[in-house]
Amino acid sequence: MDYLRSDDEQAELLKQWLKKNGLGLIIAASIGVGSVFGYQEWQDFQINQQTDAASRYQELIELSAVNFADPGTDEDYARLLTLAEGLRQTHADSNYAALGAGILAAQAVERGDYDLAVSQLNYAESTVGSPELRAMTALRLARLELELGQANVALSRIQSMVPSSLLASTSELEGDILVVLERLGEAREAYERAHVELISKGFNSAVVDIKRSSLPEGS
């Protein structure tokens, strides 16, 4: 029995066991320790990335309070562009990049830089993970397209949107677009849908009702 073996025998058995299994143990131990430290380093990296993204995004929000229509805001606008591009380059797989693009788009409109605004909203719509945020971005893009005289493009975008919690806003904007296109009967139907959706959710439908009632009778 084991407890009757001499010290020499036990020592020899230990050497033989180590000869067979020692290398495997060392490798396993090394992998185990490496995995622990690797995971901790990965966690630290992830936390640092999230902190960096949040910090850039917060600065974007603060800069959004600036009136970029003022020509004296060149330096702030340049900083805004740098922050948004940094989010896009460094944190492209996060919603921060898409949200940052949305903020930049709004300020670009103030600045009169419409091409940049459209490109940023297109980027945001194509990359944002949340269906709700994607719908909001598409809605903003359609509004901008309408403002830029691209009513047919805006209508196509609106009509291709998947129904969402923004159904009332989508229907109202569809009505606005159809009015511009002089398709007044369809515009009335769109405003009706918006009215019904707003009332069903307990929201005020006064603006939509005014738009609907301003349409010519019989349209």
C-alpha atoms as a PDB file:
ATOM      1  CA  MET A   1       0.000   0.000   0.000  1.00  0.00           C
ATOM      2  CA  ASP A   2       1.124   3.592  -0.650  1.00  0.00           C
ATOM      3  CA  TYR A   3       1.624   4.470   2.975  1.00  0.00           C
ATOM      4  CA  LEU A   4       4.009   1.501   3.386  1.00  0.00           C
ATOM      5  CA  ARG A   5       6.329   2.611   0.571  1.00  0.00           C
ATOM      6  CA  SER A   6       9.703   3.967   1.621  1.00  0.00           C
ATOM      7  CA  ASP A   7      10.634   7.605   1.125  1.00  0.00           C
ATOM      8  CA  ASP A   8      12.993   6.560  -1.674  1.00  0.00           C
ATOM      9  CA  GLU A   9      10.218   4.726  -3.505  1.00  0.00           C
ATOM     10  CA  GLN A  10       7.865   7.678  -3.200  1.00  0.00           C
ATOM     11  CA  ALA A  11      10.574  10.006  -4.440  1.00  0.00           C
ATOM     12  CA  GLU A  12      11.224   7.773  -7.459  1.00  0.00           C
ATOM     13  CA  LEU A  13       7.501   7.548  -8.257  1.00  0.00           C
ATOM     14  CA  LEU A  14       7.262  11.313  -8.072  1.00  0.00           C
ATOM     15  CA  LYS A  15      10.168  11.729 -10.493  1.00  0.00           C
ATOM     16  CA  GLN A  16       8.621   9.264 -12.926  1.00  0.00           C
ATOM     17  CA  TRP A  17       5.217  10.962 -12.709  1.00  0.00           C
ATOM     18  CA  LEU A  18       6.770  14.352 -13.272  1.00  0.00           C
ATOM     19  CA  LYS A  19       8.723  12.969 -16.213  1.00  0.00           C
ATOM     20  CA  LYS A  20       5.444  11.849 -17.814  1.00  0.00           C
ATOM     21  CA  ASN A  21       3.161  14.712 -16.776  1.00  0.00           C
ATOM     22  CA  GLY A  22       5.265  17.618 -15.596  1.00  0.00           C
ATOM     23  CA  LEU A  23       5.595  19.355 -18.961  1.00  0.00           C
ATOM     24  CA  GLY A  24       1.848  19.155 -19.495  1.00  0.00           C
ATOM     25  CA  LEU A  25       1.200  20.663 -16.076  1.00  0.00           C
ATOM     26  CA  ILE A  26       3.607  23.520 -16.717  1.00  0.00           C
ATOM     27  CA  ILE A  27       1.995  24.250 -20.091  1.00  0.00           C
ATOM     28  CA  ALA A  28      -1.522  24.027 -18.617  1.00  0.00           C
ATOM     29  CA  ALA A  29      -0.549  26.268 -15.732  1.00  0.00           C
ATOM     30  CA  SER A  30       1.033  28.764 -18.124  1.00  0.00           C
ATOM     31  CA  ILE A  31      -2.089  28.795 -20.314  1.00  0.00           C
ATOM     32  CA  GLY A  32      -4.297  29.176 -17.253  1.00  0.00           C
ATOM     33  CA  VAL A  33      -2.299  32.079 -15.855  1.00  0.00           C
ATOM     34  CA  GLY A  34      -2.033  33.642 -19.313  1.00  0.00           C
ATOM     35  CA  SER A  35      -5.771  33.338 -19.813  1.00  0.00           C
ATOM     36  CA  VAL A  36      -6.474  35.036 -16.495  1.00  0.00           C
ATOM     37  CA  PHE A  37      -4.129  37.904 -17.202  1.00  0.00           C
ATOM     38  CA  GLY A  38      -5.251  38.042 -20.830  1.00  0.00           C
ATOM     39  CA  TYR A  39      -8.887  38.315 -19.780  1.00  0.00           C
ATOM     40  CA  GLN A  40      -8.081  41.019 -17.260  1.00  0.00           C
ATOM     41  CA  GLU A  41      -6.140  42.954 -19.885  1.00  0.00           C
ATOM     42  CA  TRP A  42      -9.056  42.537 -22.309  1.00  0.00           C
ATOM     43  CA  GLN A  43     -11.480  43.817 -19.683  1.00  0.00           C
ATOM     44  CA  ASP A  44      -9.245  46.815 -19.004  1.00  0.00           C
ATOM     45  CA  PHE A  45      -8.997  47.487 -22.732  1.00  0.00           C
ATOM     46  CA  GLN A  46     -12.777  47.319 -23.121  1.00  0.00           C
ATOM     47  CA  ILE A  47     -13.338  49.662 -20.186  1.00  0.00           C
ATOM     48  CA  ASN A  48     -10.767  52.116 -21.553  1.00  0.00           C
ATOM     49  CA  GLN A  49     -12.423  51.988 -24.977  1.00  0.00           C
ATOM     50  CA  GLN A  50     -15.873  52.638 -23.540  1.00  0.00           C
ATOM     51  CA  THR A  51     -14.552  55.475 -21.401  1.00  0.00           C
ATOM     52  CA  ASP A  52     -12.820  57.066 -24.370  1.00  0.00           C
ATOM     53  CA  ALA A  53     -15.943  56.773 -26.551  1.00  0.00           C
ATOM     54  CA  ALA A  54     -18.187  58.192 -23.826  1.00  0.00           C
ATOM     55  CA  SER A  55     -15.781  61.075 -23.222  1.00  0.00           C
ATOM     56  CA  ARG A  56     -15.663  62.013 -26.916  1.00  0.00           C
ATOM     57  CA  TYR A  57     -19.421  61.732 -27.199  1.00  0.00           C
ATOM     58  CA  GLN A  58     -19.951  63.917 -24.122  1.00  0.00           C
ATOM     59  CA  GLU A  59     -17.750  66.620 -25.628  1.00  0.00           C
ATOM     60  CA  LEU A  60     -19.770  66.391 -28.848  1.00  0.00           C
ATOM     61  CA  ILE A  61     -22.957  66.953 -26.870  1.00  0.00           C
ATOM     62  CA  GLU A  62     -21.434  69.986 -25.153  1.00  0.00           C
ATOM     63  CA  LEU A  63     -20.305  71.424 -28.483  1.00  0.00           C
ATOM     64  CA  SER A  64     -23.786  70.935 -29.940  1.00  0.00           C
ATOM     65  CA  ALA A  65     -24.914  73.910 -27.821  1.00  0.00           C
ATOM     66  CA  VAL A  66     -22.785  76.190 -30.002  1.00  0.00           C
ATOM     67  CA  ASN A  67     -24.572  78.164 -32.729  1.00  0.00           C
ATOM     68  CA  PHE A  68     -22.574  77.046 -35.744  1.00  0.00           C
ATOM     69  CA  ALA A  69     -24.396  79.483 -37.999  1.00  0.00           C
ATOM     70  CA  ASP A  70     -22.090  82.053 -36.392  1.00  0.00           C
ATOM     71  CA  PRO A  71     -18.978  82.434 -38.571  1.00  0.00           C
ATOM     72  CA  GLY A  72     -16.889  82.946 -35.429  1.00  0.00           C
ATOM     73  CA  THR A  73     -17.209  79.285 -34.482  1.00  0.00           C
ATOM     74  CA  ASP A  74     -14.652  77.838 -36.909  1.00  0.00           C
ATOM     75  CA  GLU A  75     -12.455  76.455 -34.156  1.00  0.00           C
ATOM     76  CA  ASP A  76     -15.372  74.756 -32.392  1.00  0.00           C
ATOM     77  CA  TYR A  77     -16.605  73.328 -35.694  1.00  0.00           C
ATOM     78  CA  ALA A  78     -13.161  71.916 -36.458  1.00  0.00           C
ATOM     79  CA  ARG A  79     -13.129  70.288 -33.038  1.00  0.00           C
ATOM     80  CA  LEU A  80     -16.599  68.865 -33.685  1.00  0.00           C
ATOM     81  CA  LEU A  81     -15.390  67.300 -36.933  1.00  0.00           C
ATOM     82  CA  THR A  82     -12.333  65.834 -35.198  1.00  0.00           C
ATOM     83  CA  LEU A  83     -14.381  64.283 -32.403  1.00  0.00           C
ATOM     84  CA  ALA A  84     -16.931  62.742 -34.758  1.00  0.00           C
ATOM     85  CA  GLU A  85     -14.203  61.368 -37.018  1.00  0.00           C
ATOM     86  CA  GLY A  86     -12.375  59.983 -33.987  1.00  0.00           C
ATOM     87  CA  LEU A  87     -15.483  58.102 -32.901  1.00  0.00           C
ATOM     88  CA  ARG A  88     -15.963  56.819 -36.420  1.00  0.00           C
ATOM     89  CA  GLN A  89     -12.357  55.630 -36.757  1.00  0.00           C
ATOM     90  CA  THR A  90     -11.806  54.275 -33.245  1.00  0.00           C
ATOM     91  CA  HIS A  91     -15.255  53.125 -32.145  1.00  0.00           C
ATOM     92  CA  ALA A  92     -16.950  52.193 -35.412  1.00  0.00           C
ATOM     93  CA  ASP A  93     -18.562  49.118 -33.844  1.00  0.00           C
ATOM     94  CA  SER A  94     -20.350  51.116 -31.151  1.00  0.00           C
ATOM     95  CA  ASN A  95     -23.524  53.200 -31.184  1.00  0.00           C
ATOM     96  CA  TYR A  96     -21.402  56.155 -30.066  1.00  0.00           C
ATOM     97  CA  ALA A  97     -20.033  56.534 -33.608  1.00  0.00           C
ATOM     98  CA  ALA A  98     -23.514  56.581 -35.130  1.00  0.00           C
ATOM     99  CA  LEU A  99     -24.880  58.933 -32.472  1.00  0.00           C
ATOM    100  CA  GLY A 100     -21.880  61.199 -32.939  1.00  0.00           C
ATOM    101  CA  ALA A 101     -22.567  61.275 -36.681  1.00  0.00           C
ATOM    102  CA  GLY A 102     -26.143  62.301 -35.921  1.00  0.00           C
ATOM    103  CA  ILE A 103     -24.962  65.183 -33.749  1.00  0.00           C
ATOM    104  CA  LEU A 104     -22.482  66.306 -36.399  1.00  0.00           C
ATOM    105  CA  ALA A 105     -25.227  66.176 -39.036  1.00  0.00           C
ATOM    106  CA  ALA A 106     -27.430  68.534 -37.034  1.00  0.00           C
ATOM    107  CA  GLN A 107     -24.602  71.024 -36.588  1.00  0.00           C
ATOM    108  CA  ALA A 108     -23.606  70.685 -40.250  1.00  0.00           C
ATOM    109  CA  VAL A 109     -27.126  71.798 -41.202  1.00  0.00           C
ATOM    110  CA  GLU A 110     -26.678  74.890 -39.020  1.00  0.00           C
ATOM    111  CA  ARG A 111     -23.411  75.498 -40.792  1.00  0.00           C
ATOM    112  CA  GLY A 112     -25.049  75.071 -44.191  1.00  0.00           C
ATOM    113  CA  ASP A 113     -22.884  72.043 -44.938  1.00  0.00           C
ATOM    114  CA  TYR A 114     -25.718  69.888 -46.273  1.00  0.00           C
ATOM    115  CA  ASP A 115     -23.613  67.345 -48.128  1.00  0.00           C
ATOM    116  CA  LEU A 116     -21.788  66.535 -44.900  1.00  0.00           C
ATOM    117  CA  ALA A 117     -25.087  66.289 -43.008  1.00  0.00           C
ATOM    118  CA  VAL A 118     -26.498  63.814 -45.538  1.00  0.00           C
ATOM    119  CA  SER A 119     -23.332  61.689 -45.519  1.00  0.00           C
ATOM    120  CA  GLN A 120     -23.264  61.577 -41.719  1.00  0.00           C
ATOM    121  CA  LEU A 121     -26.906  60.531 -41.484  1.00  0.00           C
ATOM    122  CA  ASN A 122     -26.390  57.877 -44.152  1.00  0.00           C
ATOM    123  CA  TYR A 123     -23.446  56.543 -42.161  1.00  0.00           C
ATOM    124  CA  ALA A 124     -25.436  56.578 -38.923  1.00  0.00           C
ATOM    125  CA  GLU A 125     -28.396  54.789 -40.481  1.00  0.00           C
ATOM    126  CA  SER A 126     -26.195  52.055 -41.930  1.00  0.00           C
ATOM    127  CA  THR A 127     -24.215  51.391 -38.747  1.00  0.00           C
ATOM    128  CA  VAL A 128     -26.451  51.999 -35.743  1.00  0.00           C
ATOM    129  CA  GLY A 129     -27.439  48.787 -33.960  1.00  0.00           C
ATOM    130  CA  SER A 130     -30.744  49.787 -32.398  1.00  0.00           C
ATOM    131  CA  PRO A 131     -33.824  49.531 -34.686  1.00  0.00           C
ATOM    132  CA  GLU A 132     -35.346  52.525 -32.898  1.00  0.00           C
ATOM    133  CA  LEU A 133     -32.258  54.670 -33.463  1.00  0.00           C
ATOM    134  CA  ARG A 134     -32.106  53.504 -37.078  1.00  0.00           C
ATOM    135  CA  ALA A 135     -35.697  54.604 -37.601  1.00  0.00           C
ATOM    136  CA  MET A 136     -35.023  57.985 -35.985  1.00  0.00           C
ATOM    137  CA  THR A 137     -31.996  58.490 -38.216  1.00  0.00           C
ATOM    138  CA  ALA A 138     -33.931  57.538 -41.355  1.00  0.00           C
ATOM    139  CA  LEU A 139     -36.664  59.984 -40.356  1.00  0.00           C
ATOM    140  CA  ARG A 140     -34.155  62.815 -39.920  1.00  0.00           C
ATOM    141  CA  LEU A 141     -32.551  61.968 -43.237  1.00  0.00           C
ATOM    142  CA  ALA A 142     -35.910  62.023 -45.010  1.00  0.00           C
ATOM    143  CA  ARG A 143     -36.716  65.428 -43.464  1.00  0.00           C
ATOM    144  CA  LEU A 144     -33.380  66.773 -44.673  1.00  0.00           C
ATOM    145  CA  GLU A 145     -33.928  65.357 -48.143  1.00  0.00           C
ATOM    146  CA  LEU A 146     -37.313  67.073 -48.269  1.00  0.00           C
ATOM    147  CA  GLU A 147     -35.717  70.377 -47.230  1.00  0.00           C
ATOM    148  CA  LEU A 148     -33.150  69.938 -49.989  1.00  0.00           C
ATOM    149  CA  GLY A 149     -35.888  69.528 -52.595  1.00  0.00           C
ATOM    150  CA  GLN A 150     -35.476  65.766 -52.914  1.00  0.00           C
ATOM    151  CA  ALA A 151     -39.102  64.927 -52.192  1.00  0.00           C
ATOM    152  CA  ASN A 152     -39.211  61.710 -54.215  1.00  0.00           C
ATOM    153  CA  VAL A 153     -36.064  60.402 -52.522  1.00  0.00           C
ATOM    154  CA  ALA A 154     -37.503  61.293 -49.108  1.00  0.00           C
ATOM    155  CA  LEU A 155     -40.809  59.582 -49.933  1.00  0.00           C
ATOM    156  CA  SER A 156     -39.035  56.417 -51.053  1.00  0.00           C
ATOM    157  CA  ARG A 157     -37.060  56.353 -47.813  1.00  0.00           C
ATOM    158  CA  ILE A 158     -40.143  56.884 -45.657  1.00  0.00           C
ATOM    159  CA  GLN A 159     -42.206  54.258 -47.449  1.00  0.00           C
ATOM    160  CA  SER A 160     -39.429  51.676 -47.160  1.00  0.00           C
ATOM    161  CA  MET A 161     -39.112  52.085 -43.388  1.00  0.00           C
ATOM    162  CA  VAL A 162     -40.130  49.159 -41.226  1.00  0.00           C
ATOM    163  CA  PRO A 163     -43.106  50.121 -38.996  1.00  0.00           C
ATOM    164  CA  SER A 164     -41.853  51.255 -35.632  1.00  0.00           C
ATOM    165  CA  SER A 165     -42.754  53.256 -32.554  1.00  0.00           C
ATOM    166  CA  LEU A 166     -42.256  56.317 -34.783  1.00  0.00           C
ATOM    167  CA  LEU A 167     -45.295  55.500 -36.908  1.00  0.00           C
ATOM    168  CA  ALA A 168     -47.029  58.806 -36.133  1.00  0.00           C
ATOM    169  CA  SER A 169     -43.971  60.895 -37.020  1.00  0.00           C
ATOM    170  CA  THR A 170     -43.328  58.811 -40.113  1.00  0.00           C
ATOM    171  CA  SER A 171     -46.925  59.184 -41.307  1.00  0.00           C
ATOM    172  CA  GLU A 172     -46.913  62.932 -40.642  1.00  0.00           C
ATOM    173  CA  LEU A 173     -43.690  63.399 -42.607  1.00  0.00           C
ATOM    174  CA  GLU A 174     -45.068  61.241 -45.404  1.00  0.00           C
ATOM    175  CA  GLY A 175     -48.051  63.612 -45.517  1.00  0.00           C
ATOM    176  CA  ASP A 176     -45.711  66.622 -45.715  1.00  0.00           C
ATOM    177  CA  ILE A 177     -43.798  65.046 -48.594  1.00  0.00           C
ATOM    178  CA  LEU A 178     -46.977  64.130 -50.468  1.00  0.00           C
ATOM    179  CA  VAL A 179     -48.228  67.727 -50.131  1.00  0.00           C
ATOM    180  CA  VAL A 180     -45.025  68.953 -51.792  1.00  0.00           C
ATOM    181  CA  LEU A 181     -45.574  66.381 -54.536  1.00  0.00           C
ATOM    182  CA  GLU A 182     -49.204  67.629 -54.854  1.00  0.00           C
ATOM    183  CA  ARG A 183     -50.603  64.185 -54.091  1.00  0.00           C
ATOM    184  CA  LEU A 184     -53.126  65.661 -51.709  1.00  0.00           C
ATOM    185  CA  GLY A 185     -55.497  62.704 -51.362  1.00  0.00           C
ATOM    186  CA  GLU A 186     -52.621  60.478 -50.249  1.00  0.00           C
ATOM    187  CA  ALA A 187     -51.372  63.245 -47.978  1.00  0.00           C
ATOM    188  CA  ARG A 188     -54.756  63.355 -46.234  1.00  0.00           C
ATOM    189  CA  GLU A 189     -54.606  59.589 -45.696  1.00  0.00           C
ATOM    190  CA  ALA A 190     -51.102  59.885 -44.228  1.00  0.00           C
ATOM    191  CA  TYR A 191     -52.221  62.629 -41.845  1.00  0.00           C
ATOM    192  CA  GLU A 192     -55.195  60.473 -40.853  1.00  0.00           C
ATOM    193  CA  ARG A 193     -52.858  57.620 -39.955  1.00  0.00           C
ATOM    194  CA  ALA A 194     -50.720  59.983 -37.929  1.00  0.00           C
ATOM    195  CA  HIS A 195     -53.807  61.338 -36.139  1.00  0.00           C
ATOM    196  CA  VAL A 196     -55.081  57.868 -35.231  1.00  0.00           C
ATOM    197  CA  GLU A 197     -51.654  56.776 -33.978  1.00  0.00           C
ATOM    198  CA  LEU A 198     -51.197  59.896 -31.838  1.00  0.00           C
ATOM    199  CA  ILE A 199     -54.653  59.621 -30.280  1.00  0.00           C
ATOM    200  CA  SER A 200     -54.183  55.898 -29.573  1.00  0.00           C
ATOM    201  CA  LYS A 201     -51.031  56.706 -27.598  1.00  0.00           C
ATOM    202  CA  GLY A 202     -52.528  59.650 -25.747  1.00  0.00           C
ATOM    203  CA  PHE A 203     -50.512  62.327 -27.576  1.00  0.00           C
ATOM    204  CA  ASN A 204     -51.671  65.725 -28.824  1.00  0.00           C
ATOM    205  CA  SER A 205     -52.628  65.592 -32.507  1.00  0.00           C
ATOM    206  CA  ALA A 206     -53.253  69.346 -32.963  1.00  0.00           C
ATOM    207  CA  VAL A 207     -50.404  69.958 -35.434  1.00  0.00           C
ATOM    208  CA  VAL A 208     -51.373  67.010 -37.625  1.00  0.00           C
ATOM    209  CA  ASP A 209     -55.031  68.033 -37.455  1.00  0.00           C
ATOM    210  CA  ILE A 210     -54.157  71.563 -38.658  1.00  0.00           C
ATOM    211  CA  LYS A 211     -52.176  70.149 -41.562  1.00  0.00           C
ATOM    212  CA  ARG A 212     -55.034  67.821 -42.484  1.00  0.00           C
ATOM    213  CA  SER A 213     -57.719  70.492 -42.225  1.00  0.00           C
ATOM    214  CA  SER A 214     -55.669  72.922 -44.362  1.00  0.00           C
ATOM    215  CA  LEU A 215     -55.882  70.585 -47.344  1.00  0.00           C
ATOM    216  CA  PRO A 216     -58.445  71.618 -49.978  1.00  0.00           C
ATOM    217  CA  GLU A 217     -61.862  70.001 -49.651  1.00  0.00           C
ATOM    218  CA  GLY A 218     -62.301  66.964 -51.827  1.00  0.00           C
ATOM    219  CA  SER A 219     -58.605  66.225 -51.982  1.00  0.00           C
END
